[in-house]
């Protein structure tokens, strides 16, 4: 539940420094207080903060769903391919870091989900 994650969760930590996740979360077309748009939070926020939050250990399952991570990963890959082929000067270092962070968090979330499913099946 994204609204619950934005409410009273402790700040995520990355490398010993706390990440202010509330400054990362964007509430585009959200009606209730404390709700946020996951896709807008990844695509419209400062990419340095997004990368730091995606690399954080303590943000697992708290900020973004696997579907959102996959959609943003594909969107970033497509955008990088188009921009890289265009004849305009752009930097690709931060977008590459974002794609890596999205892919890594997606794999981590999928492994965590499969572990919880297998643990529930073993307990039944």
PDB file of N, CA and C in Angstrom:
ATOM      1  N   UNK A   1       0.842  -1.185   0.000  1.00  0.00           N
ATOM      2  CA  UNK A   1       0.000   0.000   0.000  1.00  0.00           C
ATOM      3  C   UNK A   1       0.878   1.236   0.000  1.00  0.00           C
ATOM      4  N   UNK A   2       0.930   1.985  -1.085  1.00  0.00           N
ATOM      5  CA  UNK A   2       1.800   3.138  -1.163  1.00  0.00           C
ATOM      6  C   UNK A   2       1.468   4.208  -0.135  1.00  0.00           C
ATOM      7  N   UNK A   3       0.187   4.391   0.195  1.00  0.00           N
ATOM      8  CA  UNK A   3      -0.175   5.435   1.139  1.00  0.00           C
ATOM      9  C   UNK A   3       0.386   5.119   2.514  1.00  0.00           C
ATOM     10  N   UNK A   4       0.369   3.866   2.906  1.00  0.00           N
ATOM     11  CA  UNK A   4       0.912   3.476   4.194  1.00  0.00           C
ATOM     12  C   UNK A   4       2.413   3.612   4.235  1.00  0.00           C
ATOM     13  N   UNK A   5       3.051   3.379   3.104  1.00  0.00           N
ATOM     14  CA  UNK A   5       4.510   3.475   3.059  1.00  0.00           C
ATOM     15  C   UNK A   5       4.966   4.909   3.217  1.00  0.00           C
ATOM     16  N   UNK A   6       4.168   5.857   2.730  1.00  0.00           N
ATOM     17  CA  UNK A   6       4.563   7.252   2.811  1.00  0.00           C
ATOM     18  C   UNK A   6       4.256   7.834   4.175  1.00  0.00           C
ATOM     19  N   UNK A   7       3.389   7.190   4.938  1.00  0.00           N
ATOM     20  CA  UNK A   7       2.933   7.734   6.199  1.00  0.00           C
ATOM     21  C   UNK A   7       3.979   7.723   7.284  1.00  0.00           C
ATOM     22  N   UNK A   8       4.065   6.653   8.059  1.00  0.00           N
ATOM     23  CA  UNK A   8       4.912   6.664   9.227  1.00  0.00           C
ATOM     24  C   UNK A   8       6.133   5.784   9.116  1.00  0.00           C
ATOM     25  N   UNK A   9       6.565   5.440   7.934  1.00  0.00           N
ATOM     26  CA  UNK A   9       7.722   4.570   7.794  1.00  0.00           C
ATOM     27  C   UNK A   9       8.987   5.334   8.130  1.00  0.00           C
ATOM     28  N   UNK A  10       9.969   4.648   8.732  1.00  0.00           N
ATOM     29  CA  UNK A  10      11.233   5.316   9.022  1.00  0.00           C
ATOM     30  C   UNK A  10      11.966   5.644   7.729  1.00  0.00           C
ATOM     31  N   UNK A  11      12.856   6.624   7.775  1.00  0.00           N
ATOM     32  CA  UNK A  11      13.577   6.970   6.553  1.00  0.00           C
ATOM     33  C   UNK A  11      14.468   5.831   6.104  1.00  0.00           C
ATOM     34  N   UNK A  12      14.535   5.621   4.801  1.00  0.00           N
ATOM     35  CA  UNK A  12      15.417   4.593   4.251  1.00  0.00           C
ATOM     36  C   UNK A  12      16.853   5.061   4.416  1.00  0.00           C
ATOM     37  N   UNK A  13      17.758   4.111   4.575  1.00  0.00           N
ATOM     38  CA  UNK A  13      19.159   4.455   4.767  1.00  0.00           C
ATOM     39  C   UNK A  13      19.974   3.914   3.610  1.00  0.00           C
ATOM     40  N   UNK A  14      20.903   4.718   3.150  1.00  0.00           N
ATOM     41  CA  UNK A  14      21.792   4.316   2.067  1.00  0.00           C
ATOM     42  C   UNK A  14      23.207   4.717   2.448  1.00  0.00           C
ATOM     43  N   UNK A  15      24.053   3.742   2.680  1.00  0.00           N
ATOM     44  CA  UNK A  15      25.436   4.046   3.013  1.00  0.00           C
ATOM     45  C   UNK A  15      25.579   4.777   4.331  1.00  0.00           C
ATOM     46  N   UNK A  16      24.663   4.545   5.279  1.00  0.00           N
ATOM     47  CA  UNK A  16      24.751   5.185   6.579  1.00  0.00           C
ATOM     48  C   UNK A  16      24.064   6.532   6.647  1.00  0.00           C
ATOM     49  N   UNK A  17      23.601   7.062   5.538  1.00  0.00           N
ATOM     50  CA  UNK A  17      22.917   8.357   5.539  1.00  0.00           C
ATOM     51  C   UNK A  17      21.443   8.147   5.291  1.00  0.00           C
ATOM     52  N   UNK A  18      20.614   8.867   6.021  1.00  0.00           N
ATOM     53  CA  UNK A  18      19.170   8.739   5.853  1.00  0.00           C
ATOM     54  C   UNK A  18      18.736   9.412   4.556  1.00  0.00           C
ATOM     55  N   UNK A  19      17.788   8.785   3.873  1.00  0.00           N
ATOM     56  CA  UNK A  19      17.234   9.336   2.647  1.00  0.00           C
ATOM     57  C   UNK A  19      15.869   9.918   2.975  1.00  0.00           C
ATOM     58  N   UNK A  20      15.631  11.152   2.619  1.00  0.00           N
ATOM     59  CA  UNK A  20      14.339  11.779   2.851  1.00  0.00           C
ATOM     60  C   UNK A  20      13.387  11.313   1.755  1.00  0.00           C
ATOM     61  N   UNK A  21      12.655  10.215   2.020  1.00  0.00           N
ATOM     62  CA  UNK A  21      11.782   9.658   0.994  1.00  0.00           C
ATOM     63  C   UNK A  21      10.582  10.548   0.730  1.00  0.00           C
ATOM     64  N   UNK A  22      10.199  11.378   1.688  1.00  0.00           N
ATOM     65  CA  UNK A  22       9.039  12.251   1.477  1.00  0.00           C
ATOM     66  C   UNK A  22       9.317  13.316   0.424  1.00  0.00           C
ATOM     67  N   UNK A  23      10.583  13.729   0.274  1.00  0.00           N
ATOM     68  CA  UNK A  23      10.910  14.688  -0.779  1.00  0.00           C
ATOM     69  C   UNK A  23      10.960  14.008  -2.141  1.00  0.00           C
ATOM     70  N   UNK A  24      11.083  12.680  -2.173  1.00  0.00           N
ATOM     71  CA  UNK A  24      11.121  11.916  -3.418  1.00  0.00           C
ATOM     72  C   UNK A  24       9.724  11.665  -3.966  1.00  0.00           C
ATOM     73  N   UNK A  25       8.758  11.434  -3.087  1.00  0.00           N
ATOM     74  CA  UNK A  25       7.428  11.011  -3.501  1.00  0.00           C
ATOM     75  C   UNK A  25       6.639  12.161  -4.113  1.00  0.00           C
ATOM     76  N   UNK A  26       6.025  11.890  -5.261  1.00  0.00           N
ATOM     77  CA  UNK A  26       5.258  12.891  -6.006  1.00  0.00           C
ATOM     78  C   UNK A  26       3.791  12.476  -6.006  1.00  0.00           C
ATOM     79  N   UNK A  27       2.918  13.388  -5.668  1.00  0.00           N
ATOM     80  CA  UNK A  27       1.491  13.057  -5.626  1.00  0.00           C
ATOM     81  C   UNK A  27       0.780  13.688  -6.824  1.00  0.00           C
ATOM     82  N   UNK A  28       0.943  13.085  -7.990  1.00  0.00           N
ATOM     83  CA  UNK A  28       0.286  13.537  -9.208  1.00  0.00           C
ATOM     84  C   UNK A  28      -1.042  12.801  -9.316  1.00  0.00           C
ATOM     85  N   UNK A  29      -2.125  13.528  -9.405  1.00  0.00           N
ATOM     86  CA  UNK A  29      -3.478  12.992  -9.524  1.00  0.00           C
ATOM     87  C   UNK A  29      -3.840  12.085  -8.355  1.00  0.00           C
ATOM     88  N   UNK A  30      -3.397  12.423  -7.164  1.00  0.00           N
ATOM     89  CA  UNK A  30      -3.757  11.684  -5.956  1.00  0.00           C
ATOM     90  C   UNK A  30      -4.713  12.542  -5.147  1.00  0.00           C
ATOM     91  N   UNK A  31      -5.802  11.935  -4.694  1.00  0.00           N
ATOM     92  CA  UNK A  31      -6.827  12.708  -4.010  1.00  0.00           C
ATOM     93  C   UNK A  31      -6.620  12.777  -2.503  1.00  0.00           C
ATOM     94  N   UNK A  32      -6.155  11.712  -1.883  1.00  0.00           N
ATOM     95  CA  UNK A  32      -6.030  11.677  -0.432  1.00  0.00           C
ATOM     96  C   UNK A  32      -4.648  12.143   0.016  1.00  0.00           C
ATOM     97  N   UNK A  33      -4.595  12.644   1.239  1.00  0.00           N
ATOM     98  CA  UNK A  33      -3.334  13.079   1.835  1.00  0.00           C
ATOM     99  C   UNK A  33      -2.467  11.855   2.111  1.00  0.00           C
ATOM    100  N   UNK A  34      -1.185  11.918   1.778  1.00  0.00           N
ATOM    101  CA  UNK A  34      -0.268  10.808   2.027  1.00  0.00           C
ATOM    102  C   UNK A  34      -0.159   9.820   0.873  1.00  0.00           C
ATOM    103  N   UNK A  35      -1.004   9.939  -0.148  1.00  0.00           N
ATOM    104  CA  UNK A  35      -0.889   9.066  -1.309  1.00  0.00           C
ATOM    105  C   UNK A  35       0.150   9.639  -2.267  1.00  0.00           C
ATOM    106  N   UNK A  36       0.752   8.766  -3.055  1.00  0.00           N
ATOM    107  CA  UNK A  36       1.715   9.228  -4.047  1.00  0.00           C
ATOM    108  C   UNK A  36       1.638   8.351  -5.276  1.00  0.00           C
ATOM    109  N   UNK A  37       2.055   8.927  -6.389  1.00  0.00           N
ATOM    110  CA  UNK A  37       2.076   8.242  -7.670  1.00  0.00           C
ATOM    111  C   UNK A  37       3.456   7.623  -7.835  1.00  0.00           C
ATOM    112  N   UNK A  38       3.519   6.291  -7.908  1.00  0.00           N
ATOM    113  CA  UNK A  38       4.808   5.601  -7.971  1.00  0.00           C
ATOM    114  C   UNK A  38       5.587   5.942  -9.230  1.00  0.00           C
ATOM    115  N   UNK A  39       4.917   5.935 -10.373  1.00  0.00           N
ATOM    116  CA  UNK A  39       5.606   6.201 -11.643  1.00  0.00           C
ATOM    117  C   UNK A  39       6.096   7.645 -11.694  1.00  0.00           C
ATOM    118  N   UNK A  40       5.260   8.582 -11.256  1.00  0.00           N
ATOM    119  CA  UNK A  40       5.671   9.979 -11.234  1.00  0.00           C
ATOM    120  C   UNK A  40       6.828  10.195 -10.265  1.00  0.00           C
ATOM    121  N   UNK A  41       6.844   9.453  -9.169  1.00  0.00           N
ATOM    122  CA  UNK A  41       7.931   9.595  -8.199  1.00  0.00           C
ATOM    123  C   UNK A  41       9.266   9.156  -8.784  1.00  0.00           C
ATOM    124  N   UNK A  42       9.251   8.192  -9.677  1.00  0.00           N
ATOM    125  CA  UNK A  42      10.501   7.746 -10.310  1.00  0.00           C
ATOM    126  C   UNK A  42      10.887   8.650 -11.475  1.00  0.00           C
ATOM    127  N   UNK A  43       9.922   9.015 -12.301  1.00  0.00           N
ATOM    128  CA  UNK A  43      10.255   9.734 -13.526  1.00  0.00           C
ATOM    129  C   UNK A  43      10.369  11.248 -13.339  1.00  0.00           C
ATOM    130  N   UNK A  44       9.666  11.830 -12.379  1.00  0.00           N
ATOM    131  CA  UNK A  44       9.660  13.287 -12.235  1.00  0.00           C
ATOM    132  C   UNK A  44      10.530  13.803 -11.098  1.00  0.00           C
ATOM    133  N   UNK A  45      11.089  12.914 -10.291  1.00  0.00           N
ATOM    134  CA  UNK A  45      11.922  13.337  -9.164  1.00  0.00           C
ATOM    135  C   UNK A  45      13.370  13.505  -9.602  1.00  0.00           C
ATOM    136  N   UNK A  46      14.146  14.106  -8.727  1.00  0.00           N
ATOM    137  CA  UNK A  46      15.573  14.236  -8.934  1.00  0.00           C
ATOM    138  C   UNK A  46      16.174  12.829  -9.045  1.00  0.00           C
ATOM    139  N   UNK A  47      16.850  12.534 -10.130  1.00  0.00           N
ATOM    140  CA  UNK A  47      17.336  11.183 -10.385  1.00  0.00           C
ATOM    141  C   UNK A  47      18.393  10.730  -9.379  1.00  0.00           C
ATOM    142  N   UNK A  48      19.129  11.651  -8.786  1.00  0.00           N
ATOM    143  CA  UNK A  48      20.102  11.275  -7.763  1.00  0.00           C
ATOM    144  C   UNK A  48      19.383  10.686  -6.549  1.00  0.00           C
ATOM    145  N   UNK A  49      18.287  11.308  -6.145  1.00  0.00           N
ATOM    146  CA  UNK A  49      17.506  10.795  -5.012  1.00  0.00           C
ATOM    147  C   UNK A  49      16.840   9.467  -5.362  1.00  0.00           C
ATOM    148  N   UNK A  50      16.344   9.355  -6.576  1.00  0.00           N
ATOM    149  CA  UNK A  50      15.710   8.099  -7.003  1.00  0.00           C
ATOM    150  C   UNK A  50      16.721   6.960  -6.945  1.00  0.00           C
ATOM    151  N   UNK A  51      17.912   7.183  -7.468  1.00  0.00           N
ATOM    152  CA  UNK A  51      18.949   6.153  -7.466  1.00  0.00           C
ATOM    153  C   UNK A  51      19.311   5.772  -6.039  1.00  0.00           C
ATOM    154  N   UNK A  52      19.483   6.753  -5.169  1.00  0.00           N
ATOM    155  CA  UNK A  52      19.827   6.464  -3.778  1.00  0.00           C
ATOM    156  C   UNK A  52      18.732   5.671  -3.087  1.00  0.00           C
ATOM    157  N   UNK A  53      17.480   6.005  -3.355  1.00  0.00           N
ATOM    158  CA  UNK A  53      16.390   5.268  -2.702  1.00  0.00           C
ATOM    159  C   UNK A  53      16.268   3.856  -3.265  1.00  0.00           C
ATOM    160  N   UNK A  54      16.524   3.674  -4.550  1.00  0.00           N
ATOM    161  CA  UNK A  54      16.459   2.337  -5.140  1.00  0.00           C
ATOM    162  C   UNK A  54      17.608   1.456  -4.666  1.00  0.00           C
ATOM    163  N   UNK A  55      18.766   2.041  -4.383  1.00  0.00           N
ATOM    164  CA  UNK A  55      19.911   1.276  -3.891  1.00  0.00           C
ATOM    165  C   UNK A  55      19.820   0.969  -2.397  1.00  0.00           C
ATOM    166  N   UNK A  56      18.877   1.586  -1.692  1.00  0.00           N
ATOM    167  CA  UNK A  56      18.762   1.414  -0.250  1.00  0.00           C
ATOM    168  C   UNK A  56      18.241   0.028   0.105  1.00  0.00           C
ATOM    169  N   UNK A  57      18.823  -0.596   1.116  1.00  0.00           N
ATOM    170  CA  UNK A  57      18.378  -1.913   1.582  1.00  0.00           C
ATOM    171  C   UNK A  57      17.034  -1.857   2.265  1.00  0.00           C
ATOM    172  N   UNK A  58      16.778  -0.786   2.985  1.00  0.00           N
ATOM    173  CA  UNK A  58      15.605  -0.700   3.847  1.00  0.00           C
ATOM    174  C   UNK A  58      14.354  -0.234   3.121  1.00  0.00           C
ATOM    175  N   UNK A  59      14.426  -0.025   1.828  1.00  0.00           N
ATOM    176  CA  UNK A  59      13.259   0.413   1.066  1.00  0.00           C
ATOM    177  C   UNK A  59      12.571  -0.754   0.373  1.00  0.00           C
ATOM    178  N   UNK A  60      12.963  -1.976   0.691  1.00  0.00           N
ATOM    179  CA  UNK A  60      12.419  -3.155   0.027  1.00  0.00           C
ATOM    180  C   UNK A  60      10.929  -3.289   0.278  1.00  0.00           C
ATOM    181  N   UNK A  61      10.158  -3.259  -0.804  1.00  0.00           N
ATOM    182  CA  UNK A  61       8.716  -3.407  -0.720  1.00  0.00           C
ATOM    183  C   UNK A  61       7.984  -2.215  -0.152  1.00  0.00           C
ATOM    184  N   UNK A  62       8.705  -1.159   0.201  1.00  0.00           N
ATOM    185  CA  UNK A  62       8.074  -0.024   0.868  1.00  0.00           C
ATOM    186  C   UNK A  62       7.665   1.089  -0.092  1.00  0.00           C
ATOM    187  N   UNK A  63       8.421   1.295  -1.158  1.00  0.00           N
ATOM    188  CA  UNK A  63       8.162   2.447  -2.011  1.00  0.00           C
ATOM    189  C   UNK A  63       7.502   2.093  -3.336  1.00  0.00           C
ATOM    190  N   UNK A  64       8.057   1.132  -4.055  1.00  0.00           N
ATOM    191  CA  UNK A  64       7.614   0.883  -5.415  1.00  0.00           C
ATOM    192  C   UNK A  64       7.281  -0.590  -5.625  1.00  0.00           C
ATOM    193  N   UNK A  65       6.224  -0.839  -6.400  1.00  0.00           N
ATOM    194  CA  UNK A  65       5.841  -2.219  -6.721  1.00  0.00           C
ATOM    195  C   UNK A  65       6.708  -2.736  -7.871  1.00  0.00           C
ATOM    196  N   UNK A  66       6.714  -4.055  -8.041  1.00  0.00           N
ATOM    197  CA  UNK A  66       7.500  -4.670  -9.112  1.00  0.00           C
ATOM    198  C   UNK A  66       6.984  -4.232 -10.483  1.00  0.00           C
ATOM    199  N   UNK A  67       5.677  -4.054 -10.622  1.00  0.00           N
ATOM    200  CA  UNK A  67       5.105  -3.610 -11.895  1.00  0.00           C
ATOM    201  C   UNK A  67       5.589  -2.200 -12.245  1.00  0.00           C
ATOM    202  N   UNK A  68       5.635  -1.327 -11.255  1.00  0.00           N
ATOM    203  CA  UNK A  68       6.120   0.035 -11.488  1.00  0.00           C
ATOM    204  C   UNK A  68       7.591   0.026 -11.868  1.00  0.00           C
ATOM    205  N   UNK A  69       8.380  -0.778 -11.172  1.00  0.00           N
ATOM    206  CA  UNK A  69       9.806  -0.860 -11.489  1.00  0.00           C
ATOM    207  C   UNK A  69      10.034  -1.363 -12.906  1.00  0.00           C
ATOM    208  N   UNK A  70       9.281  -2.388 -13.321  1.00  0.00           N
ATOM    209  CA  UNK A  70       9.417  -2.923 -14.678  1.00  0.00           C
ATOM    210  C   UNK A  70       9.009  -1.890 -15.722  1.00  0.00           C
ATOM    211  N   UNK A  71       7.893  -1.216 -15.500  1.00  0.00           N
ATOM    212  CA  UNK A  71       7.432  -0.202 -16.456  1.00  0.00           C
ATOM    213  C   UNK A  71       8.443   0.937 -16.587  1.00  0.00           C
ATOM    214  N   UNK A  72       8.960   1.424 -15.466  1.00  0.00           N
ATOM    215  CA  UNK A  72       9.940   2.515 -15.514  1.00  0.00           C
ATOM    216  C   UNK A  72      11.263   2.058 -16.112  1.00  0.00           C
ATOM    217  N   UNK A  73      11.639   0.800 -15.866  1.00  0.00           N
ATOM    218  CA  UNK A  73      12.856   0.253 -16.487  1.00  0.00           C
ATOM    219  C   UNK A  73      12.721   0.249 -18.000  1.00  0.00           C
ATOM    220  N   UNK A  74      11.601  -0.250 -18.518  1.00  0.00           N
ATOM    221  CA  UNK A  74      11.383  -0.275 -19.969  1.00  0.00           C
ATOM    222  C   UNK A  74      11.299   1.132 -20.546  1.00  0.00           C
ATOM    223  N   UNK A  75      10.648   2.032 -19.830  1.00  0.00           N
ATOM    224  CA  UNK A  75      10.543   3.422 -20.280  1.00  0.00           C
ATOM    225  C   UNK A  75      11.915   4.078 -20.353  1.00  0.00           C
ATOM    226  N   UNK A  76      12.738   3.864 -19.331  1.00  0.00           N
ATOM    227  CA  UNK A  76      14.083   4.447 -19.334  1.00  0.00           C
ATOM    228  C   UNK A  76      14.973   3.840 -20.412  1.00  0.00           C
ATOM    229  N   UNK A  77      14.869   2.533 -20.619  1.00  0.00           N
ATOM    230  CA  UNK A  77      15.659   1.895 -21.683  1.00  0.00           C
ATOM    231  C   UNK A  77      15.268   2.430 -23.059  1.00  0.00           C
ATOM    232  N   UNK A  78      13.963   2.571 -23.305  1.00  0.00           N
ATOM    233  CA  UNK A  78      13.505   3.099 -24.595  1.00  0.00           C
ATOM    234  C   UNK A  78      13.952   4.545 -24.785  1.00  0.00           C
ATOM    235  N   UNK A  79      13.840   5.342 -23.740  1.00  0.00           N
ATOM    236  CA  UNK A  79      14.261   6.742 -23.822  1.00  0.00           C
ATOM    237  C   UNK A  79      15.761   6.845 -24.074  1.00  0.00           C
ATOM    238  N   UNK A  80      16.543   6.013 -23.392  1.00  0.00           N
ATOM    239  CA  UNK A  80      17.995   6.031 -23.604  1.00  0.00           C
ATOM    240  C   UNK A  80      18.358   5.635 -25.027  1.00  0.00           C
ATOM    241  N   UNK A  81      17.662   4.656 -25.585  1.00  0.00           N
ATOM    242  CA  UNK A  81      17.956   4.223 -26.953  1.00  0.00           C
ATOM    243  C   UNK A  81      17.655   5.328 -27.953  1.00  0.00           C
ATOM    244  N   UNK A  82      16.547   6.028 -27.766  1.00  0.00           N
ATOM    245  CA  UNK A  82      16.170   7.103 -28.684  1.00  0.00           C
ATOM    246  C   UNK A  82      17.123   8.283 -28.553  1.00  0.00           C
ATOM    247  N   UNK A  83      17.415   8.677 -27.310  1.00  0.00           N
ATOM    248  CA  UNK A  83      18.277   9.845 -27.085  1.00  0.00           C
ATOM    249  C   UNK A  83      19.708   9.557 -27.521  1.00  0.00           C
ATOM    250  N   UNK A  84      20.185   8.344 -27.289  1.00  0.00           N
ATOM    251  CA  UNK A  84      21.539   7.997 -27.689  1.00  0.00           C
ATOM    252  C   UNK A  84      21.697   8.027 -29.210  1.00  0.00           C
ATOM    253  N   UNK A  85      20.643   7.653 -29.938  1.00  0.00           N
ATOM    254  CA  UNK A  85      20.705   7.654 -31.402  1.00  0.00           C
ATOM    255  C   UNK A  85      20.483   9.019 -32.014  1.00  0.00           C
ATOM    256  N   UNK A  86      19.972   9.968 -31.240  1.00  0.00           N
ATOM    257  CA  UNK A  86      19.733  11.318 -31.761  1.00  0.00           C
ATOM    258  C   UNK A  86      21.055  12.083 -31.830  1.00  0.00           C
ATOM    259  N   UNK A  87      21.081  13.076 -32.654  1.00  0.00           N
ATOM    260  CA  UNK A  87      22.302  13.865 -32.834  1.00  0.00           C
ATOM    261  C   UNK A  87      22.304  15.066 -31.888  1.00  0.00           C
ATOM    262  N   UNK A  88      22.082  14.814 -30.609  1.00  0.00           N
ATOM    263  CA  UNK A  88      22.105  15.887 -29.610  1.00  0.00           C
ATOM    264  C   UNK A  88      23.065  15.487 -28.492  1.00  0.00           C
ATOM    265  N   UNK A  89      23.754  16.454 -27.918  1.00  0.00           N
ATOM    266  CA  UNK A  89      24.694  16.119 -26.844  1.00  0.00           C
ATOM    267  C   UNK A  89      23.952  15.904 -25.529  1.00  0.00           C
ATOM    268  N   UNK A  90      24.044  14.705 -24.986  1.00  0.00           N
ATOM    269  CA  UNK A  90      23.421  14.390 -23.700  1.00  0.00           C
ATOM    270  C   UNK A  90      24.371  13.497 -22.910  1.00  0.00           C
ATOM    271  N   UNK A  91      24.187  13.493 -21.616  1.00  0.00           N
ATOM    272  CA  UNK A  91      24.943  12.583 -20.767  1.00  0.00           C
ATOM    273  C   UNK A  91      24.128  11.326 -20.530  1.00  0.00           C
ATOM    274  N   UNK A  92      24.785  10.202 -20.534  1.00  0.00           N
ATOM    275  CA  UNK A  92      24.092   8.939 -20.306  1.00  0.00           C
ATOM    276  C   UNK A  92      24.514   8.269 -19.004  1.00  0.00           C
ATOM    277  N   UNK A  93      25.355   8.921 -18.208  1.00  0.00           N
ATOM    278  CA  UNK A  93      25.824   8.282 -16.981  1.00  0.00           C
ATOM    279  C   UNK A  93      24.692   8.113 -15.971  1.00  0.00           C
ATOM    280  N   UNK A  94      23.973   9.175 -15.664  1.00  0.00           N
ATOM    281  CA  UNK A  94      22.880   9.108 -14.688  1.00  0.00           C
ATOM    282  C   UNK A  94      21.745   8.216 -15.198  1.00  0.00           C
ATOM    283  N   UNK A  95      21.321   8.309 -16.463  1.00  0.00           N
ATOM    284  CA  UNK A  95      20.310   7.358 -16.926  1.00  0.00           C
ATOM    285  C   UNK A  95      20.762   5.899 -16.842  1.00  0.00           C
ATOM    286  N   UNK A  96      22.038   5.626 -17.093  1.00  0.00           N
ATOM    287  CA  UNK A  96      22.547   4.256 -16.946  1.00  0.00           C
ATOM    288  C   UNK A  96      22.494   3.812 -15.492  1.00  0.00           C
ATOM    289  N   UNK A  97      22.826   4.712 -14.574  1.00  0.00           N
ATOM    290  CA  UNK A  97      22.729   4.388 -13.149  1.00  0.00           C
ATOM    291  C   UNK A  97      21.276   4.145 -12.746  1.00  0.00           C
ATOM    292  N   UNK A  98      20.357   4.919 -13.309  1.00  0.00           N
ATOM    293  CA  UNK A  98      18.931   4.737 -13.005  1.00  0.00           C
ATOM    294  C   UNK A  98      18.445   3.395 -13.515  1.00  0.00           C
ATOM    295  N   UNK A  99      18.823   3.024 -14.726  1.00  0.00           N
ATOM    296  CA  UNK A  99      18.421   1.727 -15.281  1.00  0.00           C
ATOM    297  C   UNK A  99      18.994   0.596 -14.436  1.00  0.00           C
ATOM    298  N   UNK A 100      20.236   0.710 -14.030  1.00  0.00           N
ATOM    299  CA  UNK A 100      20.836  -0.306 -13.175  1.00  0.00           C
ATOM    300  C   UNK A 100      20.149  -0.407 -11.825  1.00  0.00           C
ATOM    301  N   UNK A 101      19.805   0.744 -11.246  1.00  0.00           N
ATOM    302  CA  UNK A 101      19.115   0.747  -9.953  1.00  0.00           C
ATOM    303  C   UNK A 101      17.716   0.155 -10.082  1.00  0.00           C
ATOM    304  N   UNK A 102      17.009   0.501 -11.156  1.00  0.00           N
ATOM    305  CA  UNK A 102      15.673  -0.062 -11.379  1.00  0.00           C
ATOM    306  C   UNK A 102      15.742  -1.577 -11.582  1.00  0.00           C
ATOM    307  N   UNK A 103      16.705  -2.021 -12.389  1.00  0.00           N
ATOM    308  CA  UNK A 103      16.850  -3.457 -12.631  1.00  0.00           C
ATOM    309  C   UNK A 103      17.245  -4.215 -11.375  1.00  0.00           C
ATOM    310  N   UNK A 104      18.155  -3.648 -10.609  1.00  0.00           N
ATOM    311  CA  UNK A 104      18.585  -4.294  -9.375  1.00  0.00           C
ATOM    312  C   UNK A 104      17.473  -4.378  -8.344  1.00  0.00           C
ATOM    313  N   UNK A 105      16.725  -3.277  -8.180  1.00  0.00           N
ATOM    314  CA  UNK A 105      15.611  -3.290  -7.224  1.00  0.00           C
ATOM    315  C   UNK A 105      14.519  -4.248  -7.685  1.00  0.00           C
ATOM    316  N   UNK A 106      14.283  -4.322  -9.001  1.00  0.00           N
ATOM    317  CA  UNK A 106      13.277  -5.243  -9.541  1.00  0.00           C
ATOM    318  C   UNK A 106      13.664  -6.698  -9.257  1.00  0.00           C
ATOM    319  N   UNK A 107      14.914  -7.057  -9.510  1.00  0.00           N
ATOM    320  CA  UNK A 107      15.370  -8.418  -9.227  1.00  0.00           C
ATOM    321  C   UNK A 107      15.270  -8.711  -7.732  1.00  0.00           C
ATOM    322  N   UNK A 108      15.667  -7.749  -6.904  1.00  0.00           N
ATOM    323  CA  UNK A 108      15.577  -7.929  -5.459  1.00  0.00           C
ATOM    324  C   UNK A 108      14.150  -8.127  -4.987  1.00  0.00           C
ATOM    325  N   UNK A 109      13.219  -7.337  -5.537  1.00  0.00           N
ATOM    326  CA  UNK A 109      11.806  -7.476  -5.157  1.00  0.00           C
ATOM    327  C   UNK A 109      11.251  -8.821  -5.611  1.00  0.00           C
ATOM    328  N   UNK A 110      11.621  -9.261  -6.808  1.00  0.00           N
ATOM    329  CA  UNK A 110      11.140 -10.552  -7.303  1.00  0.00           C
ATOM    330  C   UNK A 110      11.670 -11.706  -6.458  1.00  0.00           C
ATOM    331  N   UNK A 111      12.927 -11.634  -6.057  1.00  0.00           N
ATOM    332  CA  UNK A 111      13.493 -12.674  -5.193  1.00  0.00           C
ATOM    333  C   UNK A 111      12.817 -12.657  -3.826  1.00  0.00           C
ATOM    334  N   UNK A 112      12.589 -11.472  -3.274  1.00  0.00           N
ATOM    335  CA  UNK A 112      11.912 -11.382  -1.974  1.00  0.00           C
ATOM    336  C   UNK A 112      10.493 -11.931  -2.064  1.00  0.00           C
ATOM    337  N   UNK A 113       9.794 -11.642  -3.166  1.00  0.00           N
ATOM    338  CA  UNK A 113       8.434 -12.171  -3.338  1.00  0.00           C
ATOM    339  C   UNK A 113       8.451 -13.686  -3.483  1.00  0.00           C
ATOM    340  N   UNK A 114       9.410 -14.226  -4.220  1.00  0.00           N
ATOM    341  CA  UNK A 114       9.462 -15.680  -4.397  1.00  0.00           C
ATOM    342  C   UNK A 114       9.827 -16.371  -3.076  1.00  0.00           C
ATOM    343  N   UNK A 115      10.683 -15.739  -2.264  1.00  0.00           N
ATOM    344  CA  UNK A 115      11.026 -16.317  -0.966  1.00  0.00           C
ATOM    345  C   UNK A 115       9.823 -16.346  -0.032  1.00  0.00           C
ATOM    346  N   UNK A 116       9.016 -15.266  -0.042  1.00  0.00           N
ATOM    347  CA  UNK A 116       7.845 -15.231   0.830  1.00  0.00           C
ATOM    348  C   UNK A 116       6.773 -16.218   0.340  1.00  0.00           C
ATOM    349  N   UNK A 117       6.668 -16.414  -0.969  1.00  0.00           N
ATOM    350  CA  UNK A 117       5.702 -17.379  -1.499  1.00  0.00           C
ATOM    351  C   UNK A 117       6.140 -18.801  -1.144  1.00  0.00           C
ATOM    352  N   UNK A 118       7.421 -19.101  -1.294  1.00  0.00           N
ATOM    353  CA  UNK A 118       7.897 -20.449  -0.976  1.00  0.00           C
ATOM    354  C   UNK A 118       7.835 -20.713   0.530  1.00  0.00           C
ATOM    355  N   UNK A 119       8.044 -19.698   1.360  1.00  0.00           N
ATOM    356  CA  UNK A 119       7.938 -19.869   2.807  1.00  0.00           C
ATOM    357  C   UNK A 119       6.478 -20.115   3.203  1.00  0.00           C
ATOM    358  N   UNK A 120       5.544 -19.426   2.547  1.00  0.00           N
ATOM    359  CA  UNK A 120       4.128 -19.632   2.833  1.00  0.00           C
ATOM    360  C   UNK A 120       3.678 -21.026   2.378  1.00  0.00           C
ATOM    361  N   UNK A 121       4.214 -21.503   1.255  1.00  0.00           N
ATOM    362  CA  UNK A 121       3.858 -22.837   0.761  1.00  0.00           C
ATOM    363  C   UNK A 121       4.440 -23.909   1.678  1.00  0.00           C
ATOM    364  N   UNK A 122       5.625 -23.687   2.223  1.00  0.00           N
ATOM    365  CA  UNK A 122       6.242 -24.661   3.120  1.00  0.00           C
ATOM    366  C   UNK A 122       5.508 -24.733   4.455  1.00  0.00           C
ATOM    367  N   UNK A 123       4.967 -23.586   4.890  1.00  0.00           N
ATOM    368  CA  UNK A 123       4.236 -23.551   6.166  1.00  0.00           C
ATOM    369  C   UNK A 123       2.852 -24.188   6.042  1.00  0.00           C
ATOM    370  N   UNK A 124       2.311 -24.248   4.834  1.00  0.00           N
ATOM    371  CA  UNK A 124       0.948 -24.791   4.650  1.00  0.00           C
ATOM    372  C   UNK A 124       0.892 -26.280   4.582  1.00  0.00           C
TER     373      UNK A 124
END
